[in-house]
Amino acid sequence: MALLKCEDCGRDVSSKAACCPNCGCPIPQPPDRTTEPVEPSSGPDIPAAWVEKPVAEIQSPPSSSSTMKVVLWVAAIVLFWLAVRSCSSGPESWSSGSEALASPAPIPAPIPAEAGPGETEKANWSSILADESNSAIAREAAATNLIKNFPDSEAGRQAVSMLEPLRKAIAYERMGSQWIYDSSAEGMSGKSVATASVYSSNTIKLGFPYQGEQKGRLTLRRHPRWGNDVILAIEQGQILCHSYGDCYVGVRFDNEKMQRYEGSPPFGQQ
């Protein structure tokens, strides 16, 4: 280290300092000296590895492609070795990796089939069927259940013999529910006009101007002036029956033979 004079303030400054600590003026640095190559001395022999070789003789490092090939070969050898080891170790060594692989999944127990009606239901249905105070609909349902679930039992065989009469009784009970009853006062007299009407279960289709499905209506009427009448009508349109000629109407009840009745045009309608 040497002392230099600051060009700005004139104070002594170390040659190692970058600038003057007093005024901050930069201190010029001496240029770097290149090291002269050292000639080998004539002393003891220097190993050949210590002798500096020309740049042309220095071998370049292996390329990246060569290094990648070596890495791939090593990886392939390791994978092959692991595969051979796993195959030779047998199934006993597989269980060490995971407990789930060692023990198979438990097989679920079969779900038992739902039990059908038992003796309690059979006794209940037999009691309903035997009680004549119950409706025909309730007894018919009990008989159907006995035949379906206990066909070979005594109660099932008894239900078979009672099923058809019960169905006929149900049809008879439903006959009255189809009728519509009405009562109104007639004109000036104020006397009662009683009617009972029922609609057909089937429909008819007429042409213009009475398009659409229509039901027939049968009405039984008790009139204070016109007496007892049976009136057949449709919802729209008219049934032609001229007063100046014969007018007959064919009527068939259920599956019976058709009967012919004399008709008349409508009158006395209220």
C-alpha atoms as a PDB file:
ATOM      1  CA  MET A   1       0.000   0.000   0.000  1.00  0.00           C
ATOM      2  CA  ALA A   2       1.291   3.554  -0.834  1.00  0.00           C
ATOM      3  CA  LEU A   3       0.200   7.096   0.016  1.00  0.00           C
ATOM      4  CA  LEU A   4      -0.910   9.375  -2.776  1.00  0.00           C
ATOM      5  CA  LYS A   5      -1.732  13.043  -2.891  1.00  0.00           C
ATOM      6  CA  CYS A   6      -5.380  13.951  -3.547  1.00  0.00           C
ATOM      7  CA  GLU A   7      -5.585  15.988  -6.715  1.00  0.00           C
ATOM      8  CA  ASP A   8      -8.372  18.114  -5.273  1.00  0.00           C
ATOM      9  CA  CYS A   9      -7.522  18.877  -1.656  1.00  0.00           C
ATOM     10  CA  GLY A  10      -3.803  17.760  -1.578  1.00  0.00           C
ATOM     11  CA  ARG A  11      -4.118  15.483   1.463  1.00  0.00           C
ATOM     12  CA  ASP A  12      -2.503  12.077   1.741  1.00  0.00           C
ATOM     13  CA  VAL A  13      -4.746   9.257   0.611  1.00  0.00           C
ATOM     14  CA  SER A  14      -4.105   5.499   0.531  1.00  0.00           C
ATOM     15  CA  SER A  15      -3.658   4.008  -2.896  1.00  0.00           C
ATOM     16  CA  LYS A  16      -6.162   1.309  -1.895  1.00  0.00           C
ATOM     17  CA  ALA A  17      -8.971   3.896  -1.314  1.00  0.00           C
ATOM     18  CA  ALA A  18     -11.531   4.428  -4.052  1.00  0.00           C
ATOM     19  CA  CYS A  19     -11.981   8.123  -3.220  1.00  0.00           C
ATOM     20  CA  CYS A  20     -10.563  10.804  -0.915  1.00  0.00           C
ATOM     21  CA  PRO A  21     -12.133  10.547   2.556  1.00  0.00           C
ATOM     22  CA  ASN A  22     -11.805  14.343   2.945  1.00  0.00           C
ATOM     23  CA  CYS A  23     -13.307  15.752  -0.291  1.00  0.00           C
ATOM     24  CA  GLY A  24     -14.593  12.614  -2.015  1.00  0.00           C
ATOM     25  CA  CYS A  25     -12.460  13.035  -5.118  1.00  0.00           C
ATOM     26  CA  PRO A  26     -11.937   9.667  -6.914  1.00  0.00           C
ATOM     27  CA  ILE A  27      -8.451   8.222  -6.558  1.00  0.00           C
ATOM     28  CA  PRO A  28      -7.012   6.892  -9.834  1.00  0.00           C
ATOM     29  CA  GLN A  29      -6.073   3.206  -9.540  1.00  0.00           C
ATOM     30  CA  PRO A  30      -2.853   1.855 -11.037  1.00  0.00           C
ATOM     31  CA  PRO A  31      -3.384  -0.509 -13.962  1.00  0.00           C
ATOM     32  CA  ASP A  32      -3.371  -4.283 -13.251  1.00  0.00           C
ATOM     33  CA  ARG A  33      -0.197  -6.062 -14.067  1.00  0.00           C
ATOM     34  CA  THR A  34      -0.436  -9.324 -15.878  1.00  0.00           C
ATOM     35  CA  THR A  35       1.434 -12.139 -14.320  1.00  0.00           C
ATOM     36  CA  GLU A  36       4.382 -13.297 -16.365  1.00  0.00           C
ATOM     37  CA  PRO A  37       4.348 -17.035 -17.118  1.00  0.00           C
ATOM     38  CA  VAL A  38       6.674 -18.863 -14.793  1.00  0.00           C
ATOM     39  CA  GLU A  39       9.350 -20.767 -16.555  1.00  0.00           C
ATOM     40  CA  PRO A  40       9.992 -24.192 -15.140  1.00  0.00           C
ATOM     41  CA  SER A  41      13.193 -24.296 -13.225  1.00  0.00           C
ATOM     42  CA  SER A  42      15.957 -26.712 -13.890  1.00  0.00           C
ATOM     43  CA  GLY A  43      15.415 -28.252 -10.500  1.00  0.00           C
ATOM     44  CA  PRO A  44      13.688 -31.550  -9.827  1.00  0.00           C
ATOM     45  CA  ASP A  45      11.403 -33.013 -12.446  1.00  0.00           C
ATOM     46  CA  ILE A  46       7.817 -31.606 -12.427  1.00  0.00           C
ATOM     47  CA  PRO A  47       5.020 -34.131 -12.955  1.00  0.00           C
ATOM     48  CA  ALA A  48       3.498 -34.039 -16.381  1.00  0.00           C
ATOM     49  CA  ALA A  49       0.099 -33.178 -14.883  1.00  0.00           C
ATOM     50  CA  TRP A  50       1.553 -29.939 -13.521  1.00  0.00           C
ATOM     51  CA  VAL A  51       2.850 -28.772 -16.850  1.00  0.00           C
ATOM     52  CA  GLU A  52       0.474 -26.336 -18.522  1.00  0.00           C
ATOM     53  CA  LYS A  53      -0.858 -27.832 -21.736  1.00  0.00           C
ATOM     54  CA  PRO A  54      -1.893 -25.924 -24.865  1.00  0.00           C
ATOM     55  CA  VAL A  55      -5.540 -25.052 -25.194  1.00  0.00           C
ATOM     56  CA  ALA A  56      -5.926 -27.310 -28.226  1.00  0.00           C
ATOM     57  CA  GLU A  57      -4.879 -30.325 -26.198  1.00  0.00           C
ATOM     58  CA  ILE A  58      -7.433 -29.732 -23.421  1.00  0.00           C
ATOM     59  CA  GLN A  59     -10.425 -32.106 -23.931  1.00  0.00           C
ATOM     60  CA  SER A  60     -13.870 -30.540 -23.977  1.00  0.00           C
ATOM     61  CA  PRO A  61     -16.434 -31.866 -21.474  1.00  0.00           C
ATOM     62  CA  PRO A  62     -18.898 -34.441 -22.743  1.00  0.00           C
ATOM     63  CA  SER A  63     -21.975 -32.999 -24.485  1.00  0.00           C
ATOM     64  CA  SER A  64     -25.424 -32.868 -22.832  1.00  0.00           C
ATOM     65  CA  SER A  65     -26.822 -35.449 -25.258  1.00  0.00           C
ATOM     66  CA  SER A  66     -24.215 -37.976 -24.177  1.00  0.00           C
ATOM     67  CA  THR A  67     -25.013 -37.288 -20.520  1.00  0.00           C
ATOM     68  CA  MET A  68     -28.758 -37.765 -21.164  1.00  0.00           C
ATOM     69  CA  LYS A  69     -28.078 -41.118 -22.818  1.00  0.00           C
ATOM     70  CA  VAL A  70     -26.100 -42.298 -19.803  1.00  0.00           C
ATOM     71  CA  VAL A  71     -28.882 -41.208 -17.433  1.00  0.00           C
ATOM     72  CA  LEU A  72     -31.543 -43.019 -19.487  1.00  0.00           C
ATOM     73  CA  TRP A  73     -29.475 -46.211 -19.570  1.00  0.00           C
ATOM     74  CA  VAL A  74     -29.012 -46.112 -15.805  1.00  0.00           C
ATOM     75  CA  ALA A  75     -32.741 -45.514 -15.246  1.00  0.00           C
ATOM     76  CA  ALA A  76     -33.642 -48.421 -17.558  1.00  0.00           C
ATOM     77  CA  ILE A  77     -31.293 -50.757 -15.701  1.00  0.00           C
ATOM     78  CA  VAL A  78     -32.803 -49.737 -12.319  1.00  0.00           C
ATOM     79  CA  LEU A  79     -36.382 -50.261 -13.523  1.00  0.00           C
ATOM     80  CA  PHE A  80     -35.503 -53.656 -14.995  1.00  0.00           C
ATOM     81  CA  TRP A  81     -33.906 -54.699 -11.717  1.00  0.00           C
ATOM     82  CA  LEU A  82     -36.997 -53.628  -9.717  1.00  0.00           C
ATOM     83  CA  ALA A  83     -39.317 -55.542 -12.073  1.00  0.00           C
ATOM     84  CA  VAL A  84     -37.257 -58.728 -11.769  1.00  0.00           C
ATOM     85  CA  ARG A  85     -37.180 -58.406  -7.990  1.00  0.00           C
ATOM     86  CA  SER A  86     -40.954 -57.907  -7.659  1.00  0.00           C
ATOM     87  CA  CYS A  87     -41.679 -60.930  -9.847  1.00  0.00           C
ATOM     88  CA  SER A  88     -39.237 -63.176  -8.010  1.00  0.00           C
ATOM     89  CA  SER A  89     -40.374 -62.159  -4.530  1.00  0.00           C
ATOM     90  CA  GLY A  90     -43.842 -63.734  -4.957  1.00  0.00           C
ATOM     91  CA  PRO A  91     -47.300 -62.636  -3.717  1.00  0.00           C
ATOM     92  CA  GLU A  92     -46.114 -62.668  -0.086  1.00  0.00           C
ATOM     93  CA  SER A  93     -44.150 -59.432  -0.557  1.00  0.00           C
ATOM     94  CA  TRP A  94     -47.043 -57.550  -2.156  1.00  0.00           C
ATOM     95  CA  SER A  95     -48.903 -57.213   1.135  1.00  0.00           C
ATOM     96  CA  SER A  96     -46.117 -55.115   2.659  1.00  0.00           C
ATOM     97  CA  GLY A  97     -46.950 -52.122   0.447  1.00  0.00           C
ATOM     98  CA  SER A  98     -50.529 -51.522   1.502  1.00  0.00           C
ATOM     99  CA  GLU A  99     -52.885 -53.099   3.996  1.00  0.00           C
ATOM    100  CA  ALA A 100     -55.784 -52.605   1.556  1.00  0.00           C
ATOM    101  CA  LEU A 101     -54.110 -54.898  -1.004  1.00  0.00           C
ATOM    102  CA  ALA A 102     -53.382 -57.584   1.567  1.00  0.00           C
ATOM    103  CA  SER A 103     -56.974 -58.067   2.736  1.00  0.00           C
ATOM    104  CA  PRO A 104     -59.765 -58.367   0.117  1.00  0.00           C
ATOM    105  CA  ALA A 105     -62.892 -56.247   0.448  1.00  0.00           C
ATOM    106  CA  PRO A 106     -65.535 -57.932   2.620  1.00  0.00           C
ATOM    107  CA  ILE A 107     -68.462 -59.461   0.731  1.00  0.00           C
ATOM    108  CA  PRO A 108     -71.736 -57.851   1.848  1.00  0.00           C
ATOM    109  CA  ALA A 109     -74.219 -60.163   3.431  1.00  0.00           C
ATOM    110  CA  PRO A 110     -77.258 -60.986   1.258  1.00  0.00           C
ATOM    111  CA  ILE A 111     -80.341 -58.916   1.989  1.00  0.00           C
ATOM    112  CA  PRO A 112     -83.136 -61.177   3.220  1.00  0.00           C
ATOM    113  CA  ALA A 113     -86.272 -61.196   1.139  1.00  0.00           C
ATOM    114  CA  GLU A 114     -89.190 -59.316   2.573  1.00  0.00           C
ATOM    115  CA  ALA A 115     -91.488 -61.664   4.393  1.00  0.00           C
ATOM    116  CA  GLY A 116     -95.033 -61.930   3.081  1.00  0.00           C
ATOM    117  CA  PRO A 117     -98.240 -61.828   5.081  1.00  0.00           C
ATOM    118  CA  GLY A 118     -98.338 -64.199   8.036  1.00  0.00           C
ATOM    119  CA  GLU A 119    -100.927 -65.847  10.189  1.00  0.00           C
ATOM    120  CA  THR A 120    -101.958 -62.540  11.754  1.00  0.00           C
ATOM    121  CA  GLU A 121    -102.979 -61.027   8.397  1.00  0.00           C
ATOM    122  CA  LYS A 122    -104.691 -64.261   7.390  1.00  0.00           C
ATOM    123  CA  ALA A 123    -106.825 -64.283  10.562  1.00  0.00           C
ATOM    124  CA  ASN A 124    -107.707 -60.598  10.077  1.00  0.00           C
ATOM    125  CA  TRP A 125    -108.833 -61.085   6.461  1.00  0.00           C
ATOM    126  CA  SER A 126    -110.833 -64.184   7.386  1.00  0.00           C
ATOM    127  CA  SER A 127    -112.614 -62.204  10.112  1.00  0.00           C
ATOM    128  CA  ILE A 128    -113.535 -59.392   7.697  1.00  0.00           C
ATOM    129  CA  LEU A 129    -114.786 -61.871   5.103  1.00  0.00           C
ATOM    130  CA  ALA A 130    -116.972 -63.750   7.573  1.00  0.00           C
ATOM    131  CA  ASP A 131    -118.611 -60.615   9.049  1.00  0.00           C
ATOM    132  CA  GLU A 132    -121.692 -59.893   6.912  1.00  0.00           C
ATOM    133  CA  SER A 133    -122.108 -56.459   8.509  1.00  0.00           C
ATOM    134  CA  ASN A 134    -119.053 -55.255   6.570  1.00  0.00           C
ATOM    135  CA  SER A 135    -119.563 -53.720   3.131  1.00  0.00           C
ATOM    136  CA  ALA A 136    -119.299 -55.891   0.062  1.00  0.00           C
ATOM    137  CA  ILE A 137    -116.269 -53.875  -1.074  1.00  0.00           C
ATOM    138  CA  ALA A 138    -114.323 -54.609   2.149  1.00  0.00           C
ATOM    139  CA  ARG A 139    -115.225 -58.307   2.090  1.00  0.00           C
ATOM    140  CA  GLU A 140    -114.271 -58.597  -1.589  1.00  0.00           C
ATOM    141  CA  ALA A 141    -110.850 -57.054  -0.859  1.00  0.00           C
ATOM    142  CA  ALA A 142    -110.290 -59.508   2.032  1.00  0.00           C
ATOM    143  CA  ALA A 143    -111.251 -62.442  -0.193  1.00  0.00           C
ATOM    144  CA  THR A 144    -108.836 -61.281  -2.922  1.00  0.00           C
ATOM    145  CA  ASN A 145    -105.954 -61.083  -0.417  1.00  0.00           C
ATOM    146  CA  LEU A 146    -106.680 -64.560   0.931  1.00  0.00           C
ATOM    147  CA  ILE A 147    -106.737 -66.057  -2.571  1.00  0.00           C
ATOM    148  CA  LYS A 148    -103.503 -64.306  -3.522  1.00  0.00           C
ATOM    149  CA  ASN A 149    -101.438 -65.078  -0.394  1.00  0.00           C
ATOM    150  CA  PHE A 150    -103.003 -68.292   0.969  1.00  0.00           C
ATOM    151  CA  PRO A 151    -104.459 -70.142  -2.058  1.00  0.00           C
ATOM    152  CA  ASP A 152    -103.968 -73.648  -0.602  1.00  0.00           C
ATOM    153  CA  SER A 153    -105.421 -72.927   2.832  1.00  0.00           C
ATOM    154  CA  GLU A 154    -109.001 -73.516   3.935  1.00  0.00           C
ATOM    155  CA  ALA A 155    -109.579 -69.754   4.187  1.00  0.00           C
ATOM    156  CA  GLY A 156    -108.284 -69.300   0.621  1.00  0.00           C
ATOM    157  CA  ARG A 157    -110.592 -71.980  -0.789  1.00  0.00           C
ATOM    158  CA  GLN A 158    -113.561 -70.474   1.036  1.00  0.00           C
ATOM    159  CA  ALA A 159    -112.712 -67.039  -0.365  1.00  0.00           C
ATOM    160  CA  VAL A 160    -112.765 -68.439  -3.910  1.00  0.00           C
ATOM    161  CA  SER A 161    -116.369 -69.635  -3.453  1.00  0.00           C
ATOM    162  CA  MET A 162    -117.470 -66.244  -2.051  1.00  0.00           C
ATOM    163  CA  LEU A 163    -115.678 -63.933  -4.498  1.00  0.00           C
ATOM    164  CA  GLU A 164    -118.191 -63.947  -7.353  1.00  0.00           C
ATOM    165  CA  PRO A 165    -121.301 -63.325  -5.181  1.00  0.00           C
ATOM    166  CA  LEU A 166    -119.477 -60.440  -3.498  1.00  0.00           C
ATOM    167  CA  ARG A 167    -118.666 -58.835  -6.850  1.00  0.00           C
ATOM    168  CA  LYS A 168    -122.299 -59.024  -7.884  1.00  0.00           C
ATOM    169  CA  ALA A 169    -123.297 -57.394  -4.607  1.00  0.00           C
ATOM    170  CA  ILE A 170    -120.819 -54.573  -5.246  1.00  0.00           C
ATOM    171  CA  ALA A 171    -122.285 -53.967  -8.693  1.00  0.00           C
ATOM    172  CA  TYR A 172    -125.795 -53.864  -7.185  1.00  0.00           C
ATOM    173  CA  GLU A 173    -124.695 -51.393  -4.489  1.00  0.00           C
ATOM    174  CA  ARG A 174    -123.158 -49.106  -7.096  1.00  0.00           C
ATOM    175  CA  MET A 175    -126.295 -48.959  -9.207  1.00  0.00           C
ATOM    176  CA  GLY A 176    -127.950 -46.421  -6.935  1.00  0.00           C
ATOM    177  CA  SER A 177    -124.884 -44.164  -6.821  1.00  0.00           C
ATOM    178  CA  GLN A 178    -125.156 -43.522 -10.563  1.00  0.00           C
ATOM    179  CA  TRP A 179    -128.499 -41.756 -10.293  1.00  0.00           C
ATOM    180  CA  ILE A 180    -129.007 -38.025  -9.735  1.00  0.00           C
ATOM    181  CA  TYR A 181    -132.135 -37.073  -7.809  1.00  0.00           C
ATOM    182  CA  ASP A 182    -133.832 -33.693  -7.957  1.00  0.00           C
ATOM    183  CA  SER A 183    -137.072 -32.028  -6.894  1.00  0.00           C
ATOM    184  CA  SER A 184    -138.505 -28.663  -8.055  1.00  0.00           C
ATOM    185  CA  ALA A 185    -141.766 -26.713  -7.995  1.00  0.00           C
ATOM    186  CA  GLU A 186    -144.015 -26.755 -11.070  1.00  0.00           C
ATOM    187  CA  GLY A 187    -145.236 -23.468 -12.543  1.00  0.00           C
ATOM    188  CA  MET A 188    -148.100 -21.651 -10.836  1.00  0.00           C
ATOM    189  CA  SER A 189    -149.386 -24.628  -8.886  1.00  0.00           C
ATOM    190  CA  GLY A 190    -146.218 -24.960  -6.853  1.00  0.00           C
ATOM    191  CA  LYS A 191    -146.584 -28.746  -6.800  1.00  0.00           C
ATOM    192  CA  SER A 192    -143.429 -30.843  -6.722  1.00  0.00           C
ATOM    193  CA  VAL A 193    -141.812 -32.341  -9.840  1.00  0.00           C
ATOM    194  CA  ALA A 194    -139.512 -35.239  -8.923  1.00  0.00           C
ATOM    195  CA  THR A 195    -136.833 -36.551 -11.296  1.00  0.00           C
ATOM    196  CA  ALA A 196    -134.149 -39.232 -11.247  1.00  0.00           C
ATOM    197  CA  SER A 197    -131.518 -39.084 -14.021  1.00  0.00           C
ATOM    198  CA  VAL A 198    -128.595 -41.238 -15.091  1.00  0.00           C
ATOM    199  CA  TYR A 199    -126.007 -40.661 -17.826  1.00  0.00           C
ATOM    200  CA  SER A 200    -124.723 -43.221 -20.296  1.00  0.00           C
ATOM    201  CA  SER A 201    -121.279 -44.761 -19.863  1.00  0.00           C
ATOM    202  CA  ASN A 202    -120.522 -44.482 -23.586  1.00  0.00           C
ATOM    203  CA  THR A 203    -120.563 -41.455 -25.922  1.00  0.00           C
ATOM    204  CA  ILE A 204    -121.620 -40.582 -29.492  1.00  0.00           C
ATOM    205  CA  LYS A 205    -120.255 -38.055 -31.991  1.00  0.00           C
ATOM    206  CA  LEU A 206    -122.594 -35.984 -34.129  1.00  0.00           C
ATOM    207  CA  GLY A 207    -121.891 -33.818 -37.161  1.00  0.00           C
ATOM    208  CA  PHE A 208    -122.131 -30.080 -37.587  1.00  0.00           C
ATOM    209  CA  PRO A 209    -123.248 -28.079 -35.661  1.00  0.00           C
ATOM    210  CA  TYR A 210    -123.189 -30.488 -32.707  1.00  0.00           C
ATOM    211  CA  GLN A 211    -119.559 -31.585 -32.810  1.00  0.00           C
ATOM    212  CA  GLY A 212    -117.880 -33.311 -29.903  1.00  0.00           C
ATOM    213  CA  GLU A 213    -118.555 -36.357 -27.768  1.00  0.00           C
ATOM    214  CA  GLN A 214    -121.954 -36.454 -26.090  1.00  0.00           C
ATOM    215  CA  LYS A 215    -123.569 -38.672 -23.496  1.00  0.00           C
ATOM    216  CA  GLY A 216    -127.166 -39.777 -23.391  1.00  0.00           C
ATOM    217  CA  ARG A 217    -129.346 -38.962 -20.379  1.00  0.00           C
ATOM    218  CA  LEU A 218    -132.229 -41.104 -19.137  1.00  0.00           C
ATOM    219  CA  THR A 219    -134.671 -39.306 -16.809  1.00  0.00           C
ATOM    220  CA  LEU A 220    -137.581 -40.724 -14.825  1.00  0.00           C
ATOM    221  CA  ARG A 221    -140.047 -37.930 -14.077  1.00  0.00           C
ATOM    222  CA  ARG A 222    -143.121 -37.697 -11.868  1.00  0.00           C
ATOM    223  CA  HIS A 223    -145.102 -34.639 -12.975  1.00  0.00           C
ATOM    224  CA  PRO A 224    -148.310 -33.361 -11.291  1.00  0.00           C
ATOM    225  CA  ARG A 225    -149.844 -32.509 -14.695  1.00  0.00           C
ATOM    226  CA  TRP A 226    -148.273 -34.963 -17.178  1.00  0.00           C
ATOM    227  CA  GLY A 227    -147.973 -37.990 -14.945  1.00  0.00           C
ATOM    228  CA  ASN A 228    -145.047 -40.377 -15.032  1.00  0.00           C
ATOM    229  CA  ASP A 229    -142.627 -40.122 -17.973  1.00  0.00           C
ATOM    230  CA  VAL A 230    -139.408 -41.654 -19.207  1.00  0.00           C
ATOM    231  CA  ILE A 231    -137.365 -39.006 -21.037  1.00  0.00           C
ATOM    232  CA  LEU A 232    -134.388 -39.832 -23.284  1.00  0.00           C
ATOM    233  CA  ALA A 233    -132.193 -36.889 -24.252  1.00  0.00           C
ATOM    234  CA  ILE A 234    -128.693 -36.013 -25.412  1.00  0.00           C
ATOM    235  CA  GLU A 235    -126.485 -33.146 -24.280  1.00  0.00           C
ATOM    236  CA  GLN A 236    -126.598 -31.315 -27.619  1.00  0.00           C
ATOM    237  CA  GLY A 237    -128.830 -31.640 -30.653  1.00  0.00           C
ATOM    238  CA  GLN A 238    -132.218 -33.334 -30.753  1.00  0.00           C
ATOM    239  CA  ILE A 239    -133.874 -36.696 -31.324  1.00  0.00           C
ATOM    240  CA  LEU A 240    -136.497 -36.262 -34.038  1.00  0.00           C
ATOM    241  CA  CYS A 241    -139.934 -37.653 -33.214  1.00  0.00           C
ATOM    242  CA  HIS A 242    -142.733 -35.999 -35.214  1.00  0.00           C
ATOM    243  CA  SER A 243    -146.131 -35.517 -33.616  1.00  0.00           C
ATOM    244  CA  TYR A 244    -148.001 -36.125 -36.856  1.00  0.00           C
ATOM    245  CA  GLY A 245    -146.600 -39.614 -37.465  1.00  0.00           C
ATOM    246  CA  ASP A 246    -145.747 -42.729 -35.621  1.00  0.00           C
ATOM    247  CA  CYS A 247    -142.802 -42.386 -33.243  1.00  0.00           C
ATOM    248  CA  TYR A 248    -141.274 -45.524 -31.794  1.00  0.00           C
ATOM    249  CA  VAL A 249    -138.131 -45.923 -29.765  1.00  0.00           C
ATOM    250  CA  GLY A 250    -136.085 -49.144 -29.476  1.00  0.00           C
ATOM    251  CA  VAL A 251    -134.777 -49.783 -25.953  1.00  0.00           C
ATOM    252  CA  ARG A 252    -132.579 -52.613 -24.682  1.00  0.00           C
ATOM    253  CA  PHE A 253    -131.794 -53.082 -20.988  1.00  0.00           C
ATOM    254  CA  ASP A 254    -128.356 -54.592 -20.366  1.00  0.00           C
ATOM    255  CA  ASN A 255    -128.038 -57.733 -22.515  1.00  0.00           C
ATOM    256  CA  GLU A 256    -131.760 -58.297 -22.846  1.00  0.00           C
ATOM    257  CA  LYS A 257    -133.630 -58.210 -26.157  1.00  0.00           C
ATOM    258  CA  MET A 258    -134.580 -54.869 -27.597  1.00  0.00           C
ATOM    259  CA  GLN A 259    -138.068 -53.650 -26.761  1.00  0.00           C
ATOM    260  CA  ARG A 260    -140.098 -51.162 -28.791  1.00  0.00           C
ATOM    261  CA  TYR A 261    -141.827 -48.240 -27.077  1.00  0.00           C
ATOM    262  CA  GLU A 262    -144.096 -45.589 -28.480  1.00  0.00           C
ATOM    263  CA  GLY A 263    -142.708 -42.118 -28.118  1.00  0.00           C
ATOM    264  CA  SER A 264    -143.899 -38.544 -28.372  1.00  0.00           C
ATOM    265  CA  PRO A 265    -142.163 -35.174 -28.910  1.00  0.00           C
ATOM    266  CA  PRO A 266    -140.952 -33.407 -25.803  1.00  0.00           C
ATOM    267  CA  PHE A 267    -143.518 -31.346 -23.993  1.00  0.00           C
ATOM    268  CA  GLY A 268    -144.114 -30.260 -20.484  1.00  0.00           C
ATOM    269  CA  GLN A 269    -140.382 -29.734 -19.899  1.00  0.00           C
ATOM    270  CA  GLN A 270    -139.532 -27.724 -16.823  1.00  0.00           C
END
